[in-house]
Amino acid sequence: MNGRGRKAALAMAEWLAVRNLAPDLILCSAARRTRETLAAVRPALGPTAEVAIEQRLYLAEEDQLFARLVELDDLAHPPASVILIGHNPGLGDLALRLIPREQQEIRRRIAAKFPTCAFVDLSFPCDAWDAIDARCATLNAYLVPSELEK
């Protein structure tokens, strides 16, 4: 990660820490930069999250990322909350797939640019990962590091 990326990751970690997010699972690409991002934000995400570093997430496209989320129901104890750390354009495209069309302004911003260390918080109106579908999410937050510098 370059200096700007480290600064963005640390700013995002501070923002996450204030929100007391405590995911059950953190899925992270095996790429060095994503693992460095994980190292920067991990202390802000509570002590109990399981971490899975997965080669298949490296440069994964939206369909591959979506498929990985749906597979979470195959676990003995499916996680209630997950953080996914990966790459563009896959992550931005996944966000566009899940965020409802009514959220036009956020969708426009994501389509224009989904920068490094962008954060999207989504919740789903279903009890199983394999029940999530396109445009079914509720957008709780969308934040880019430049907004933290203001």
Protein backbone atom coordinates (compact mmCIF):
# COMPACT_ATOMS: atom_id res chain seq x y z
CA MET A 1 0.00 0.00 0.00
CA ASN A 2 1.29 3.47 -0.79
CA GLY A 3 1.22 6.36 1.68
CA ARG A 4 -2.15 7.64 0.50
CA GLY A 5 -3.65 4.14 0.81
CA ARG A 6 -2.30 3.72 4.34
CA LYS A 7 -3.69 7.12 5.33
CA ALA A 8 -7.09 6.21 3.86
CA ALA A 9 -7.16 2.82 5.60
CA LEU A 10 -6.26 4.34 8.98
CA ALA A 11 -8.91 7.07 8.59
CA MET A 12 -11.48 4.44 7.71
CA ALA A 13 -10.41 2.36 10.71
CA GLU A 14 -11.03 5.33 13.01
CA TRP A 15 -14.49 5.83 11.48
CA LEU A 16 -15.31 2.13 11.83
CA ALA A 17 -14.13 2.04 15.46
CA VAL A 18 -16.58 4.80 16.42
CA ARG A 19 -19.43 2.71 15.00
CA ASN A 20 -18.50 -0.39 17.03
CA LEU A 21 -18.93 -2.75 14.10
CA ALA A 22 -18.33 -6.34 15.10
CA PRO A 23 -18.70 -8.61 12.08
CA ASP A 24 -18.85 -12.36 12.48
CA LEU A 25 -16.63 -12.90 9.45
CA ILE A 26 -14.13 -10.90 7.44
CA LEU A 27 -13.54 -12.20 3.93
CA CYS A 28 -10.36 -10.79 2.42
CA SER A 29 -8.64 -11.26 -0.91
CA ALA A 30 -5.20 -12.85 -0.71
CA ALA A 31 -3.60 -9.84 -2.42
CA ARG A 32 -0.93 -8.03 -0.42
CA ARG A 33 -2.72 -4.65 -0.53
CA THR A 34 -6.01 -6.09 0.71
CA ARG A 35 -4.21 -7.88 3.53
CA GLU A 36 -2.50 -4.59 4.43
CA THR A 37 -5.91 -2.90 4.43
CA LEU A 38 -7.22 -5.67 6.67
CA ALA A 39 -4.30 -5.17 9.07
CA ALA A 40 -5.10 -1.44 9.27
CA VAL A 41 -8.83 -1.81 9.93
CA ARG A 42 -8.86 -5.08 11.89
CA PRO A 43 -8.39 -3.49 15.34
CA ALA A 44 -11.53 -1.40 14.71
CA LEU A 45 -13.72 -4.43 13.98
CA GLY A 46 -13.95 -6.08 17.36
CA PRO A 47 -11.99 -9.06 18.61
CA THR A 48 -14.32 -11.92 17.70
CA ALA A 49 -14.52 -11.88 13.90
CA GLU A 50 -13.21 -14.90 12.08
CA VAL A 51 -10.88 -13.90 9.22
CA ALA A 52 -10.67 -15.82 5.95
CA ILE A 53 -7.99 -14.86 3.44
CA GLU A 54 -9.16 -16.28 0.11
CA GLN A 55 -7.26 -16.50 -3.15
CA ARG A 56 -10.52 -16.80 -5.08
CA LEU A 57 -11.40 -13.23 -4.06
CA TYR A 58 -8.30 -11.86 -5.80
CA LEU A 59 -9.61 -9.65 -8.62
CA ALA A 60 -12.98 -11.41 -8.34
CA GLU A 61 -15.78 -10.05 -10.46
CA GLU A 62 -19.20 -9.13 -9.15
CA ASP A 63 -20.76 -12.52 -9.96
CA GLN A 64 -17.96 -14.33 -8.13
CA LEU A 65 -18.32 -12.09 -5.07
CA PHE A 66 -22.09 -12.52 -5.03
CA ALA A 67 -21.68 -16.31 -5.30
CA ARG A 68 -19.27 -16.25 -2.36
CA LEU A 69 -21.81 -14.44 -0.19
CA VAL A 70 -24.58 -16.88 -1.13
CA GLU A 71 -22.28 -19.78 -0.16
CA LEU A 72 -22.07 -18.54 3.42
CA ASP A 73 -25.19 -20.57 4.21
CA ASP A 74 -23.14 -23.70 3.59
CA LEU A 75 -21.16 -23.07 6.78
CA ALA A 76 -22.09 -24.91 9.96
CA HIS A 77 -22.81 -21.53 11.58
CA PRO A 78 -23.56 -18.97 8.87
CA PRO A 79 -22.39 -15.49 9.86
CA ALA A 80 -24.96 -12.80 10.54
CA SER A 81 -22.60 -10.06 9.41
CA VAL A 82 -19.69 -10.05 6.97
CA ILE A 83 -17.09 -7.56 5.80
CA LEU A 84 -15.70 -8.17 2.34
CA ILE A 85 -12.31 -6.68 1.44
CA GLY A 86 -11.49 -7.01 -2.24
CA HIS A 87 -10.93 -5.24 -5.52
CA ASN A 88 -12.53 -3.10 -8.13
CA PRO A 89 -14.35 -3.20 -10.37
CA GLY A 90 -15.88 -6.26 -8.66
CA LEU A 91 -16.75 -4.61 -5.33
CA GLY A 92 -18.26 -1.52 -6.92
CA ASP A 93 -20.27 -3.68 -9.31
CA LEU A 94 -21.48 -5.86 -6.42
CA ALA A 95 -22.65 -2.75 -4.55
CA LEU A 96 -24.53 -1.61 -7.66
CA ARG A 97 -26.13 -5.05 -7.94
CA LEU A 98 -27.39 -4.99 -4.36
CA ILE A 99 -28.35 -1.35 -3.80
CA PRO A 100 -31.93 -0.57 -4.87
CA ARG A 101 -32.52 1.58 -7.94
CA GLU A 102 -34.27 4.18 -5.75
CA GLN A 103 -30.89 5.05 -4.25
CA GLN A 104 -30.00 6.89 -7.47
CA GLU A 105 -27.54 9.39 -6.03
CA ILE A 106 -25.45 6.74 -4.26
CA ARG A 107 -25.60 4.46 -7.31
CA ARG A 108 -24.43 7.34 -9.50
CA ARG A 109 -21.51 8.05 -7.14
CA ILE A 110 -20.48 4.39 -7.01
CA ALA A 111 -20.75 4.00 -10.78
CA ALA A 112 -18.61 7.10 -11.33
CA LYS A 113 -15.89 6.01 -8.90
CA PHE A 114 -15.60 3.45 -6.15
CA PRO A 115 -12.26 4.50 -4.63
CA THR A 116 -9.76 2.57 -2.60
CA CYS A 117 -11.03 2.03 0.96
CA ALA A 118 -14.61 2.92 0.07
CA PHE A 119 -17.06 1.43 2.57
CA VAL A 120 -20.60 0.27 1.88
CA ASP A 121 -22.78 -0.99 4.73
CA LEU A 122 -25.77 -3.02 3.56
CA SER A 123 -28.41 -5.01 5.38
CA PHE A 124 -30.75 -7.56 3.89
CA PRO A 125 -34.43 -8.30 4.62
CA CYS A 126 -33.88 -12.04 4.77
CA ASP A 127 -32.60 -14.63 7.20
CA ALA A 128 -30.34 -16.57 4.83
CA TRP A 129 -27.43 -15.57 2.63
CA ASP A 130 -28.77 -17.65 -0.24
CA ALA A 131 -31.96 -15.54 -0.16
CA ILE A 132 -30.24 -12.26 -1.03
CA ASP A 133 -31.08 -10.97 -4.47
CA ALA A 134 -30.34 -8.07 -6.75
CA ARG A 135 -31.45 -4.67 -5.43
CA CYS A 136 -32.79 -6.16 -2.18
CA ALA A 137 -30.41 -4.46 0.23
CA THR A 138 -30.98 -1.53 2.49
CA LEU A 139 -28.13 0.96 2.28
CA ASN A 140 -27.03 1.94 5.78
CA ALA A 141 -23.90 3.88 4.83
CA TYR A 142 -21.61 4.73 1.95
CA LEU A 143 -18.35 6.45 2.77
CA VAL A 144 -15.20 7.25 0.84
CA PRO A 145 -11.93 8.27 2.52
CA SER A 146 -11.96 11.78 1.03
CA GLU A 147 -15.11 12.49 3.08
CA LEU A 148 -13.13 11.81 6.24
CA GLU A 149 -10.58 14.47 5.35
CA LYS A 150 -13.18 17.26 5.40
